Amino acid sequence: MAESNGNNRRDVILDAAIDILVHEGHSQLSMDKVAKKLGISKGNITYHFPNKKVFIQNIFARLMQESQTDRETVRDPYITSLEERLRLKLEREFEILLQPRHDTRVWETLAYSTHDKTVGEAFEELFGWHIDEFIEAIAPLRPDLEKQELRDLALFVVSIPRGLLVFIGSARHCERRKELCALAVKQILDMVKTWPPGQEKDAQEEG
């Protein structure tokens, strides 16, 4: 029971930290700020997270866990089409990225990662996980591609939704946002199906 209560307190602290990160920005994220928000002493936080590095590591481990949970798709046994499975995965990706909380969280994490090595490593790990996830989805559709070619293609697939949303802006500024995302899903599927094999080899020969 005591261990359960301790885990609950850790969760409350991490929730408060993420709330500050999302709503006030990475520059406002500190143990003192979290303690003030929760009405507790800083010692209550250092009891669970002995120093800032451990605290930051746990915050971004939680963010990574949330991101992975968000992207877990139900494996419907009735959906046998590999292309349909990838399409649903892409639609889910855009759906997540369209959420204001997720959008803010990503950019604040990226901003933080530029001057904090620990956060930078966590961000790279999360991005790498997304790439591996899409490699798994794409590989059955494109058995003709080499391992590096699959990774290159997956990198494009993961990057396109994020780049697109930067340019089309938030929902209040772009009424056609969902329509453009649907068009992007179609274009990404076409790209996956037509990505020419041998590009890596051709590039090496040209170099």
N, C-alpha and C. Protein backbone atom coordinates (compact mmCIF):
# COMPACT_ATOMS: atom_id res chain seq x y z
N MET A 1 0.83 -1.21 0.00
CA MET A 1 0.00 0.00 0.00
C MET A 1 0.86 1.26 0.00
N ALA A 2 1.95 1.22 0.84
CA ALA A 2 2.83 2.38 0.91
C ALA A 2 3.48 2.64 -0.44
N GLU A 3 3.90 1.55 -1.12
CA GLU A 3 4.52 1.69 -2.44
C GLU A 3 3.53 2.28 -3.44
N SER A 4 2.27 1.84 -3.36
CA SER A 4 1.23 2.37 -4.23
C SER A 4 1.02 3.86 -4.02
N ASN A 5 0.99 4.28 -2.75
CA ASN A 5 0.83 5.70 -2.44
C ASN A 5 2.01 6.51 -2.96
N GLY A 6 3.22 5.93 -2.83
CA GLY A 6 4.41 6.61 -3.33
C GLY A 6 4.35 6.80 -4.84
N ASN A 7 3.91 5.76 -5.56
CA ASN A 7 3.77 5.86 -7.01
C ASN A 7 2.73 6.89 -7.40
N ASN A 8 1.64 6.96 -6.62
CA ASN A 8 0.61 7.96 -6.89
C ASN A 8 1.15 9.37 -6.73
N ARG A 9 1.97 9.58 -5.69
CA ARG A 9 2.55 10.90 -5.47
C ARG A 9 3.51 11.27 -6.60
N ARG A 10 4.28 10.29 -7.05
CA ARG A 10 5.18 10.53 -8.18
C ARG A 10 4.39 10.94 -9.42
N ASP A 11 3.29 10.25 -9.66
CA ASP A 11 2.45 10.56 -10.82
C ASP A 11 1.88 11.97 -10.73
N VAL A 12 1.43 12.37 -9.53
CA VAL A 12 0.87 13.71 -9.34
C VAL A 12 1.94 14.76 -9.63
N ILE A 13 3.15 14.52 -9.16
CA ILE A 13 4.25 15.46 -9.39
C ILE A 13 4.57 15.57 -10.88
N LEU A 14 4.65 14.42 -11.56
CA LEU A 14 4.96 14.42 -12.99
C LEU A 14 3.84 15.07 -13.79
N ASP A 15 2.59 14.83 -13.40
CA ASP A 15 1.45 15.47 -14.09
C ASP A 15 1.55 16.98 -13.98
N ALA A 16 1.91 17.47 -12.80
CA ALA A 16 2.03 18.92 -12.59
C ALA A 16 3.17 19.48 -13.43
N ALA A 17 4.28 18.75 -13.51
CA ALA A 17 5.44 19.20 -14.30
C ALA A 17 5.08 19.28 -15.78
N ILE A 18 4.39 18.27 -16.28
CA ILE A 18 3.99 18.28 -17.69
C ILE A 18 2.99 19.39 -17.97
N ASP A 19 2.11 19.67 -17.03
CA ASP A 19 1.15 20.75 -17.19
C ASP A 19 1.86 22.10 -17.31
N ILE A 20 2.90 22.30 -16.51
CA ILE A 20 3.69 23.53 -16.60
C ILE A 20 4.40 23.60 -17.95
N LEU A 21 4.98 22.49 -18.38
CA LEU A 21 5.69 22.43 -19.65
C LEU A 21 4.77 22.81 -20.80
N VAL A 22 3.54 22.28 -20.79
CA VAL A 22 2.59 22.51 -21.88
C VAL A 22 2.04 23.92 -21.87
N HIS A 23 1.68 24.43 -20.69
CA HIS A 23 0.97 25.70 -20.61
C HIS A 23 1.84 26.93 -20.36
N GLU A 24 3.04 26.70 -19.81
CA GLU A 24 3.89 27.85 -19.49
C GLU A 24 5.24 27.82 -20.20
N GLY A 25 5.58 26.68 -20.79
CA GLY A 25 6.82 26.59 -21.53
C GLY A 25 7.96 25.99 -20.74
N HIS A 26 8.97 25.48 -21.46
CA HIS A 26 10.07 24.79 -20.82
C HIS A 26 10.89 25.68 -19.90
N SER A 27 10.90 26.99 -20.18
CA SER A 27 11.69 27.91 -19.35
C SER A 27 11.14 28.03 -17.93
N GLN A 28 9.88 27.69 -17.73
CA GLN A 28 9.24 27.80 -16.42
C GLN A 28 9.26 26.47 -15.64
N LEU A 29 9.80 25.43 -16.27
CA LEU A 29 9.78 24.11 -15.64
C LEU A 29 10.93 23.97 -14.64
N SER A 30 10.59 23.83 -13.37
CA SER A 30 11.60 23.64 -12.32
C SER A 30 10.95 22.93 -11.14
N MET A 31 11.77 22.37 -10.27
CA MET A 31 11.24 21.73 -9.07
C MET A 31 10.50 22.73 -8.19
N ASP A 32 11.06 23.93 -8.06
CA ASP A 32 10.43 24.96 -7.23
C ASP A 32 9.05 25.33 -7.76
N LYS A 33 8.94 25.44 -9.09
CA LYS A 33 7.67 25.80 -9.71
C LYS A 33 6.63 24.70 -9.51
N VAL A 34 7.05 23.46 -9.65
CA VAL A 34 6.14 22.33 -9.46
C VAL A 34 5.69 22.26 -8.01
N ALA A 35 6.63 22.47 -7.08
CA ALA A 35 6.29 22.44 -5.65
C ALA A 35 5.26 23.52 -5.32
N LYS A 36 5.47 24.71 -5.86
CA LYS A 36 4.55 25.82 -5.62
C LYS A 36 3.17 25.50 -6.19
N LYS A 37 3.14 24.91 -7.37
CA LYS A 37 1.87 24.58 -8.02
C LYS A 37 1.07 23.57 -7.19
N LEU A 38 1.78 22.62 -6.57
CA LEU A 38 1.12 21.57 -5.80
C LEU A 38 0.93 21.94 -4.32
N GLY A 39 1.54 23.06 -3.91
CA GLY A 39 1.42 23.46 -2.51
C GLY A 39 2.19 22.55 -1.57
N ILE A 40 3.34 22.07 -2.03
CA ILE A 40 4.18 21.20 -1.21
C ILE A 40 5.58 21.78 -1.17
N SER A 41 6.44 21.20 -0.35
CA SER A 41 7.81 21.67 -0.28
C SER A 41 8.64 21.02 -1.37
N LYS A 42 9.76 21.65 -1.71
CA LYS A 42 10.65 21.07 -2.71
C LYS A 42 11.18 19.73 -2.23
N GLY A 43 11.31 19.58 -0.90
CA GLY A 43 11.79 18.32 -0.34
C GLY A 43 10.89 17.14 -0.67
N ASN A 44 9.57 17.42 -0.80
CA ASN A 44 8.64 16.35 -1.18
C ASN A 44 8.94 15.83 -2.59
N ILE A 45 9.46 16.72 -3.42
CA ILE A 45 9.80 16.33 -4.79
C ILE A 45 11.14 15.60 -4.82
N THR A 46 12.14 16.14 -4.10
CA THR A 46 13.46 15.51 -4.12
C THR A 46 13.45 14.15 -3.41
N TYR A 47 12.44 13.91 -2.61
CA TYR A 47 12.30 12.58 -1.99
C TYR A 47 12.11 11.52 -3.07
N HIS A 48 11.34 11.87 -4.12
CA HIS A 48 11.06 10.94 -5.21
C HIS A 48 12.05 11.10 -6.37
N PHE A 49 12.53 12.34 -6.56
CA PHE A 49 13.46 12.63 -7.66
C PHE A 49 14.63 13.40 -7.07
N PRO A 50 15.73 12.72 -6.72
CA PRO A 50 16.81 13.32 -5.93
C PRO A 50 17.52 14.52 -6.54
N ASN A 51 17.50 14.65 -7.87
CA ASN A 51 18.14 15.81 -8.50
C ASN A 51 17.41 16.16 -9.79
N LYS A 52 17.80 17.29 -10.37
CA LYS A 52 17.10 17.79 -11.55
C LYS A 52 17.20 16.82 -12.73
N LYS A 53 18.37 16.20 -12.90
CA LYS A 53 18.55 15.29 -14.04
C LYS A 53 17.57 14.13 -13.96
N VAL A 54 17.45 13.53 -12.76
CA VAL A 54 16.52 12.40 -12.57
C VAL A 54 15.08 12.88 -12.79
N PHE A 55 14.78 14.08 -12.31
CA PHE A 55 13.44 14.65 -12.46
C PHE A 55 13.09 14.81 -13.94
N ILE A 56 14.01 15.42 -14.70
CA ILE A 56 13.78 15.64 -16.13
C ILE A 56 13.67 14.32 -16.87
N GLN A 57 14.52 13.37 -16.51
CA GLN A 57 14.48 12.05 -17.16
C GLN A 57 13.11 11.39 -16.96
N ASN A 58 12.57 11.50 -15.77
CA ASN A 58 11.27 10.90 -15.47
C ASN A 58 10.13 11.62 -16.18
N ILE A 59 10.23 12.95 -16.29
CA ILE A 59 9.21 13.71 -17.01
C ILE A 59 9.14 13.25 -18.46
N PHE A 60 10.29 13.14 -19.10
CA PHE A 60 10.28 12.81 -20.52
C PHE A 60 10.10 11.31 -20.77
N ALA A 61 10.40 10.50 -19.77
CA ALA A 61 10.04 9.09 -19.88
C ALA A 61 8.52 8.94 -19.88
N ARG A 62 7.86 9.78 -19.04
CA ARG A 62 6.39 9.78 -19.02
C ARG A 62 5.84 10.26 -20.36
N LEU A 63 6.42 11.32 -20.91
CA LEU A 63 5.95 11.83 -22.20
C LEU A 63 6.12 10.78 -23.29
N MET A 64 7.21 10.06 -23.25
CA MET A 64 7.44 9.01 -24.24
C MET A 64 6.42 7.90 -24.08
N GLN A 65 6.14 7.53 -22.84
CA GLN A 65 5.15 6.49 -22.58
C GLN A 65 3.78 6.92 -23.08
N GLU A 66 3.41 8.20 -22.84
CA GLU A 66 2.13 8.71 -23.30
C GLU A 66 2.06 8.69 -24.82
N SER A 67 3.16 9.06 -25.46
CA SER A 67 3.19 9.09 -26.92
C SER A 67 3.01 7.70 -27.49
N GLN A 68 3.66 6.72 -26.87
CA GLN A 68 3.53 5.34 -27.34
C GLN A 68 2.12 4.82 -27.13
N THR A 69 1.53 5.15 -25.98
CA THR A 69 0.16 4.71 -25.68
C THR A 69 -0.82 5.33 -26.66
N ASP A 70 -0.63 6.63 -26.96
CA ASP A 70 -1.50 7.33 -27.91
C ASP A 70 -1.52 6.64 -29.26
N ARG A 71 -0.38 6.06 -29.65
CA ARG A 71 -0.24 5.51 -30.99
C ARG A 71 -0.54 4.02 -31.08
N GLU A 72 -0.87 3.44 -29.96
CA GLU A 72 -1.23 2.02 -30.00
C GLU A 72 -2.53 1.85 -30.76
N THR A 73 -2.49 1.09 -31.81
CA THR A 73 -3.69 0.88 -32.62
C THR A 73 -4.27 -0.50 -32.31
N VAL A 74 -5.56 -0.58 -32.32
CA VAL A 74 -6.22 -1.86 -32.09
C VAL A 74 -6.00 -2.74 -33.31
N ARG A 75 -5.48 -3.91 -33.09
CA ARG A 75 -5.22 -4.84 -34.19
C ARG A 75 -6.50 -5.60 -34.52
N ASP A 76 -7.22 -5.06 -35.48
CA ASP A 76 -8.48 -5.66 -35.89
C ASP A 76 -8.21 -6.85 -36.81
N PRO A 77 -8.56 -8.07 -36.39
CA PRO A 77 -8.28 -9.25 -37.21
C PRO A 77 -9.02 -9.24 -38.54
N TYR A 78 -10.05 -8.41 -38.64
CA TYR A 78 -10.83 -8.35 -39.88
C TYR A 78 -10.18 -7.45 -40.93
N ILE A 79 -9.20 -6.65 -40.50
CA ILE A 79 -8.49 -5.81 -41.45
C ILE A 79 -7.25 -6.55 -41.92
N THR A 80 -7.35 -7.16 -43.05
CA THR A 80 -6.25 -7.98 -43.57
C THR A 80 -5.39 -7.23 -44.57
N SER A 81 -5.89 -6.12 -45.10
CA SER A 81 -5.13 -5.34 -46.08
C SER A 81 -4.00 -4.59 -45.39
N LEU A 82 -2.77 -4.83 -45.84
CA LEU A 82 -1.61 -4.14 -45.28
C LEU A 82 -1.69 -2.64 -45.54
N GLU A 83 -2.20 -2.28 -46.71
CA GLU A 83 -2.33 -0.86 -47.04
C GLU A 83 -3.36 -0.18 -46.13
N GLU A 84 -4.46 -0.88 -45.85
CA GLU A 84 -5.49 -0.31 -44.99
C GLU A 84 -4.96 -0.13 -43.57
N ARG A 85 -4.15 -1.06 -43.11
CA ARG A 85 -3.57 -0.93 -41.77
C ARG A 85 -2.65 0.29 -41.69
N LEU A 86 -1.86 0.50 -42.73
CA LEU A 86 -0.97 1.66 -42.75
C LEU A 86 -1.78 2.96 -42.84
N ARG A 87 -2.85 2.93 -43.62
CA ARG A 87 -3.69 4.12 -43.75
C ARG A 87 -4.28 4.50 -42.38
N LEU A 88 -4.79 3.52 -41.65
CA LEU A 88 -5.36 3.78 -40.33
C LEU A 88 -4.30 4.31 -39.37
N LYS A 89 -3.09 3.79 -39.50
CA LYS A 89 -1.99 4.24 -38.65
C LYS A 89 -1.64 5.69 -38.94
N LEU A 90 -1.63 6.06 -40.23
CA LEU A 90 -1.35 7.44 -40.62
C LEU A 90 -2.45 8.39 -40.15
N GLU A 91 -3.70 7.95 -40.29
CA GLU A 91 -4.82 8.78 -39.84
C GLU A 91 -4.74 9.01 -38.33
N ARG A 92 -4.35 7.97 -37.60
CA ARG A 92 -4.20 8.10 -36.15
C ARG A 92 -3.07 9.06 -35.80
N GLU A 93 -2.00 9.02 -36.59
CA GLU A 93 -0.87 9.93 -36.37
C GLU A 93 -1.30 11.39 -36.52
N PHE A 94 -2.04 11.68 -37.58
CA PHE A 94 -2.52 13.05 -37.78
C PHE A 94 -3.51 13.45 -36.69
N GLU A 95 -4.36 12.53 -36.30
CA GLU A 95 -5.34 12.80 -35.25
C GLU A 95 -4.65 13.22 -33.96
N ILE A 96 -3.57 12.53 -33.62
CA ILE A 96 -2.81 12.85 -32.41
C ILE A 96 -2.12 14.21 -32.56
N LEU A 97 -1.50 14.41 -33.70
CA LEU A 97 -0.76 15.66 -33.92
C LEU A 97 -1.67 16.88 -33.97
N LEU A 98 -2.94 16.67 -34.31
CA LEU A 98 -3.89 17.79 -34.37
C LEU A 98 -4.33 18.26 -32.98
N GLN A 99 -4.06 17.47 -31.96
CA GLN A 99 -4.46 17.85 -30.61
C GLN A 99 -3.57 18.98 -30.10
N PRO A 100 -4.17 20.10 -29.66
CA PRO A 100 -3.37 21.25 -29.20
C PRO A 100 -2.36 20.87 -28.12
N ARG A 101 -2.76 20.03 -27.17
CA ARG A 101 -1.85 19.65 -26.08
C ARG A 101 -0.63 18.93 -26.62
N HIS A 102 -0.85 18.03 -27.57
CA HIS A 102 0.27 17.28 -28.13
C HIS A 102 1.18 18.21 -28.92
N ASP A 103 0.61 19.12 -29.69
CA ASP A 103 1.38 20.03 -30.51
C ASP A 103 2.30 20.88 -29.63
N THR A 104 1.74 21.46 -28.56
CA THR A 104 2.53 22.28 -27.66
C THR A 104 3.61 21.45 -26.97
N ARG A 105 3.25 20.25 -26.56
CA ARG A 105 4.17 19.37 -25.85
C ARG A 105 5.38 19.05 -26.71
N VAL A 106 5.16 18.77 -28.00
CA VAL A 106 6.25 18.43 -28.90
C VAL A 106 7.21 19.59 -29.06
N TRP A 107 6.67 20.80 -29.31
CA TRP A 107 7.54 21.94 -29.56
C TRP A 107 8.28 22.39 -28.31
N GLU A 108 7.66 22.29 -27.15
CA GLU A 108 8.35 22.63 -25.91
C GLU A 108 9.45 21.60 -25.62
N THR A 109 9.19 20.34 -25.91
CA THR A 109 10.21 19.31 -25.73
C THR A 109 11.39 19.56 -26.66
N LEU A 110 11.09 19.90 -27.91
CA LEU A 110 12.14 20.18 -28.88
C LEU A 110 12.96 21.38 -28.45
N ALA A 111 12.28 22.44 -27.96
CA ALA A 111 12.99 23.63 -27.50
C ALA A 111 13.90 23.30 -26.33
N TYR A 112 13.40 22.50 -25.41
CA TYR A 112 14.17 22.10 -24.23
C TYR A 112 15.37 21.26 -24.65
N SER A 113 15.19 20.42 -25.67
CA SER A 113 16.24 19.48 -26.08
C SER A 113 17.46 20.18 -26.66
N THR A 114 17.29 21.43 -27.12
CA THR A 114 18.41 22.14 -27.73
C THR A 114 19.46 22.56 -26.72
N HIS A 115 19.10 22.63 -25.44
CA HIS A 115 20.10 23.04 -24.44
C HIS A 115 20.17 22.09 -23.24
N ASP A 116 19.56 20.92 -23.37
CA ASP A 116 19.65 19.93 -22.30
C ASP A 116 19.92 18.57 -22.93
N LYS A 117 21.10 18.03 -22.67
CA LYS A 117 21.52 16.78 -23.30
C LYS A 117 20.59 15.62 -22.96
N THR A 118 20.14 15.58 -21.70
CA THR A 118 19.25 14.49 -21.26
C THR A 118 17.95 14.50 -22.04
N VAL A 119 17.37 15.70 -22.19
CA VAL A 119 16.13 15.84 -22.95
C VAL A 119 16.37 15.54 -24.41
N GLY A 120 17.50 15.99 -24.94
CA GLY A 120 17.83 15.73 -26.34
C GLY A 120 17.91 14.24 -26.63
N GLU A 121 18.52 13.49 -25.72
CA GLU A 121 18.63 12.04 -25.89
C GLU A 121 17.25 11.37 -25.83
N ALA A 122 16.40 11.87 -24.92
CA ALA A 122 15.04 11.31 -24.81
C ALA A 122 14.24 11.60 -26.06
N PHE A 123 14.41 12.82 -26.62
CA PHE A 123 13.68 13.21 -27.83
C PHE A 123 14.13 12.35 -29.01
N GLU A 124 15.44 12.11 -29.12
CA GLU A 124 15.97 11.27 -30.20
C GLU A 124 15.47 9.84 -30.07
N GLU A 125 15.37 9.37 -28.83
CA GLU A 125 14.88 8.01 -28.60
C GLU A 125 13.42 7.88 -29.03
N LEU A 126 12.63 8.91 -28.70
CA LEU A 126 11.22 8.89 -29.07
C LEU A 126 11.05 8.94 -30.58
N PHE A 127 11.81 9.80 -31.24
CA PHE A 127 11.72 9.92 -32.70
C PHE A 127 12.16 8.62 -33.36
N GLY A 128 13.21 8.00 -32.80
CA GLY A 128 13.68 6.72 -33.33
C GLY A 128 12.64 5.63 -33.18
N TRP A 129 11.91 5.68 -32.06
CA TRP A 129 10.84 4.70 -31.85
C TRP A 129 9.75 4.87 -32.90
N HIS A 130 9.40 6.12 -33.25
CA HIS A 130 8.38 6.35 -34.28
C HIS A 130 8.84 5.78 -35.62
N ILE A 131 10.10 6.00 -35.95
CA ILE A 131 10.63 5.49 -37.22
C ILE A 131 10.56 3.96 -37.25
N ASP A 132 11.00 3.32 -36.17
CA ASP A 132 10.96 1.85 -36.11
C ASP A 132 9.53 1.33 -36.23
N GLU A 133 8.59 2.06 -35.63
CA GLU A 133 7.18 1.65 -35.67
C GLU A 133 6.66 1.66 -37.11
N PHE A 134 7.04 2.69 -37.87
CA PHE A 134 6.57 2.77 -39.26
C PHE A 134 7.34 1.81 -40.17
N ILE A 135 8.59 1.52 -39.84
CA ILE A 135 9.31 0.49 -40.60
C ILE A 135 8.55 -0.83 -40.51
N GLU A 136 8.08 -1.15 -39.30
CA GLU A 136 7.33 -2.38 -39.09
C GLU A 136 6.05 -2.40 -39.92
N ALA A 137 5.42 -1.23 -40.09
CA ALA A 137 4.17 -1.16 -40.85
C ALA A 137 4.42 -1.18 -42.36
N ILE A 138 5.54 -0.61 -42.77
CA ILE A 138 5.83 -0.47 -44.21
C ILE A 138 6.47 -1.73 -44.79
N ALA A 139 7.31 -2.38 -44.01
CA ALA A 139 8.10 -3.52 -44.52
C ALA A 139 7.27 -4.59 -45.22
N PRO A 140 6.11 -5.01 -44.68
CA PRO A 140 5.33 -6.04 -45.38
C PRO A 140 4.79 -5.56 -46.74
N LEU A 141 4.59 -4.24 -46.86
CA LEU A 141 4.12 -3.68 -48.13
C LEU A 141 5.23 -3.59 -49.16
N ARG A 142 6.47 -3.41 -48.68
CA ARG A 142 7.60 -3.22 -49.59
C ARG A 142 8.74 -4.18 -49.27
N PRO A 143 8.51 -5.48 -49.50
CA PRO A 143 9.57 -6.47 -49.24
C PRO A 143 10.76 -6.33 -50.18
N ASP A 144 10.60 -5.52 -51.24
CA ASP A 144 11.68 -5.32 -52.21
C ASP A 144 12.72 -4.32 -51.75
N LEU A 145 12.45 -3.59 -50.67
CA LEU A 145 13.38 -2.55 -50.21
C LEU A 145 14.39 -3.13 -49.22
N GLU A 146 15.63 -2.63 -49.33
CA GLU A 146 16.67 -3.00 -48.37
C GLU A 146 16.41 -2.32 -47.03
N LYS A 147 17.12 -2.78 -46.01
CA LYS A 147 16.91 -2.28 -44.65
C LYS A 147 17.08 -0.76 -44.57
N GLN A 148 18.16 -0.22 -45.17
CA GLN A 148 18.40 1.22 -45.12
C GLN A 148 17.36 1.98 -45.93
N GLU A 149 16.91 1.38 -47.03
CA GLU A 149 15.87 2.03 -47.84
C GLU A 149 14.57 2.13 -47.07
N LEU A 150 14.23 1.10 -46.30
CA LEU A 150 13.03 1.13 -45.47
C LEU A 150 13.15 2.23 -44.41
N ARG A 151 14.34 2.35 -43.82
CA ARG A 151 14.55 3.38 -42.80
C ARG A 151 14.43 4.78 -43.40
N ASP A 152 14.99 4.97 -44.58
CA ASP A 152 14.88 6.28 -45.25
C ASP A 152 13.42 6.62 -45.54
N LEU A 153 12.69 5.64 -46.05
CA LEU A 153 11.28 5.85 -46.37
C LEU A 153 10.47 6.16 -45.10
N ALA A 154 10.72 5.40 -44.04
CA ALA A 154 10.01 5.62 -42.78
C ALA A 154 10.32 7.00 -42.22
N LEU A 155 11.56 7.47 -42.39
CA LEU A 155 11.93 8.81 -41.92
C LEU A 155 11.09 9.87 -42.62
N PHE A 156 10.89 9.72 -43.93
CA PHE A 156 10.03 10.64 -44.67
C PHE A 156 8.59 10.57 -44.16
N VAL A 157 8.10 9.35 -43.96
CA VAL A 157 6.72 9.16 -43.52
C VAL A 157 6.48 9.80 -42.16
N VAL A 158 7.42 9.66 -41.25
CA VAL A 158 7.28 10.24 -39.91
C VAL A 158 7.41 11.76 -39.94
N SER A 159 8.27 12.27 -40.81
CA SER A 159 8.54 13.70 -40.85
C SER A 159 7.45 14.52 -41.54
N ILE A 160 6.83 13.96 -42.57
CA ILE A 160 5.85 14.71 -43.36
C ILE A 160 4.70 15.26 -42.52
N PRO A 161 4.03 14.45 -41.67
CA PRO A 161 2.92 15.02 -40.88
C PRO A 161 3.34 16.19 -40.00
N ARG A 162 4.52 16.10 -39.38
CA ARG A 162 4.98 17.18 -38.52
C ARG A 162 5.30 18.43 -39.31
N GLY A 163 5.96 18.25 -40.46
CA GLY A 163 6.27 19.41 -41.30
C GLY A 163 5.02 20.05 -41.85
N LEU A 164 4.06 19.25 -42.25
CA LEU A 164 2.82 19.77 -42.81
C LEU A 164 2.06 20.61 -41.79
N LEU A 165 1.97 20.12 -40.56
CA LEU A 165 1.20 20.82 -39.54
C LEU A 165 1.85 22.14 -39.15
N VAL A 166 3.16 22.24 -39.29
CA VAL A 166 3.84 23.51 -39.02
C VAL A 166 3.37 24.57 -40.01
N PHE A 167 3.22 24.17 -41.27
CA PHE A 167 2.88 25.13 -42.31
C PHE A 167 1.39 25.46 -42.39
N ILE A 168 0.52 24.51 -42.10
CA ILE A 168 -0.91 24.81 -42.23
C ILE A 168 -1.48 25.40 -40.96
N GLY A 169 -0.71 25.37 -39.87
CA GLY A 169 -1.13 26.07 -38.65
C GLY A 169 -2.20 25.35 -37.86
N SER A 170 -2.67 26.02 -36.84
CA SER A 170 -3.67 25.44 -35.94
C SER A 170 -5.05 25.49 -36.55
N ALA A 171 -5.99 24.77 -35.95
CA ALA A 171 -7.34 24.65 -36.49
C ALA A 171 -8.03 26.00 -36.62
N ARG A 172 -7.78 26.91 -35.70
CA ARG A 172 -8.46 28.20 -35.75
C ARG A 172 -7.95 29.08 -36.90
N HIS A 173 -6.79 28.73 -37.45
CA HIS A 173 -6.24 29.51 -38.55
C HIS A 173 -6.40 28.83 -39.90
N CYS A 174 -6.82 27.58 -39.88
CA CYS A 174 -6.93 26.85 -41.15
C CYS A 174 -8.15 25.94 -41.12
N GLU A 175 -9.22 26.39 -41.76
CA GLU A 175 -10.47 25.63 -41.75
C GLU A 175 -10.34 24.32 -42.52
N ARG A 176 -9.38 24.26 -43.44
CA ARG A 176 -9.22 23.06 -44.27
C ARG A 176 -8.16 22.11 -43.71
N ARG A 177 -7.81 22.27 -42.45
CA ARG A 177 -6.73 21.48 -41.88
C ARG A 177 -6.98 19.97 -42.01
N LYS A 178 -8.17 19.52 -41.62
CA LYS A 178 -8.47 18.09 -41.68
C LYS A 178 -8.49 17.59 -43.12
N GLU A 179 -9.01 18.42 -44.01
CA GLU A 179 -9.06 18.05 -45.42
C GLU A 179 -7.64 17.88 -45.98
N LEU A 180 -6.76 18.79 -45.60
CA LEU A 180 -5.38 18.71 -46.07
C LEU A 180 -4.66 17.51 -45.47
N CYS A 181 -4.98 17.16 -44.24
CA CYS A 181 -4.38 15.98 -43.61
C CYS A 181 -4.83 14.71 -44.32
N ALA A 182 -6.10 14.65 -44.71
CA ALA A 182 -6.61 13.49 -45.43
C ALA A 182 -5.90 13.36 -46.78
N LEU A 183 -5.67 14.49 -47.43
CA LEU A 183 -4.95 14.49 -48.70
C LEU A 183 -3.51 14.01 -48.49
N ALA A 184 -2.91 14.44 -47.38
CA ALA A 184 -1.54 14.03 -47.08
C ALA A 184 -1.45 12.53 -46.86
N VAL A 185 -2.43 11.95 -46.19
CA VAL A 185 -2.44 10.50 -45.96
C VAL A 185 -2.43 9.77 -47.30
N LYS A 186 -3.26 10.23 -48.23
CA LYS A 186 -3.32 9.61 -49.56
C LYS A 186 -1.97 9.73 -50.27
N GLN A 187 -1.36 10.92 -50.20
CA GLN A 187 -0.08 11.12 -50.88
C GLN A 187 1.03 10.28 -50.25
N ILE A 188 1.02 10.15 -48.92
CA ILE A 188 2.03 9.33 -48.25
C ILE A 188 1.88 7.87 -48.65
N LEU A 189 0.64 7.38 -48.73
CA LEU A 189 0.42 5.99 -49.17
C LEU A 189 0.94 5.78 -50.58
N ASP A 190 0.68 6.74 -51.46
CA ASP A 190 1.18 6.64 -52.83
C ASP A 190 2.71 6.62 -52.84
N MET A 191 3.32 7.44 -51.99
CA MET A 191 4.78 7.50 -51.92
C MET A 191 5.35 6.16 -51.46
N VAL A 192 4.70 5.56 -50.45
CA VAL A 192 5.16 4.28 -49.93
C VAL A 192 5.10 3.21 -51.03
N LYS A 193 4.02 3.22 -51.80
CA LYS A 193 3.84 2.19 -52.84
C LYS A 193 4.78 2.38 -54.02
N THR A 194 5.21 3.62 -54.27
CA THR A 194 6.00 3.89 -55.48
C THR A 194 7.45 4.24 -55.19
N TRP A 195 7.85 4.22 -53.92
CA TRP A 195 9.24 4.56 -53.56
C TRP A 195 10.18 3.61 -54.30
N PRO A 196 11.04 4.15 -55.20
CA PRO A 196 11.87 3.28 -56.04
C PRO A 196 13.00 2.60 -55.26
N PRO A 197 13.15 1.30 -55.42
CA PRO A 197 14.26 0.60 -54.75
C PRO A 197 15.59 0.96 -55.40
N GLY A 198 16.65 0.79 -54.66
CA GLY A 198 17.98 1.03 -55.21
C GLY A 198 18.46 2.46 -55.12
N GLN A 199 17.71 3.34 -54.45
CA GLN A 199 18.12 4.75 -54.38
C GLN A 199 19.42 4.92 -53.59
N GLU A 200 19.57 4.14 -52.52
CA GLU A 200 20.77 4.22 -51.70
C GLU A 200 22.00 3.85 -52.52
N LYS A 201 21.87 2.78 -53.31
CA LYS A 201 22.98 2.31 -54.14
C LYS A 201 23.30 3.35 -55.21
N ASP A 202 22.26 3.92 -55.84
CA ASP A 202 22.47 4.92 -56.88
C ASP A 202 23.17 6.16 -56.33
N ALA A 203 22.79 6.57 -55.13
CA ALA A 203 23.40 7.75 -54.51
C ALA A 203 24.86 7.52 -54.22
N GLN A 204 25.19 6.30 -53.78
CA GLN A 204 26.59 5.96 -53.48
C GLN A 204 27.42 5.94 -54.76
N GLU A 205 26.85 5.44 -55.85
CA GLU A 205 27.58 5.38 -57.11
C GLU A 205 27.80 6.78 -57.68
N GLU A 206 26.78 7.67 -57.52
CA GLU A 206 26.94 9.04 -58.00
C GLU A 206 27.98 9.79 -57.21
N GLY A 207 28.05 9.48 -55.87
CA GLY A 207 29.03 10.13 -55.01
C GLY A 207 30.45 9.69 -55.35
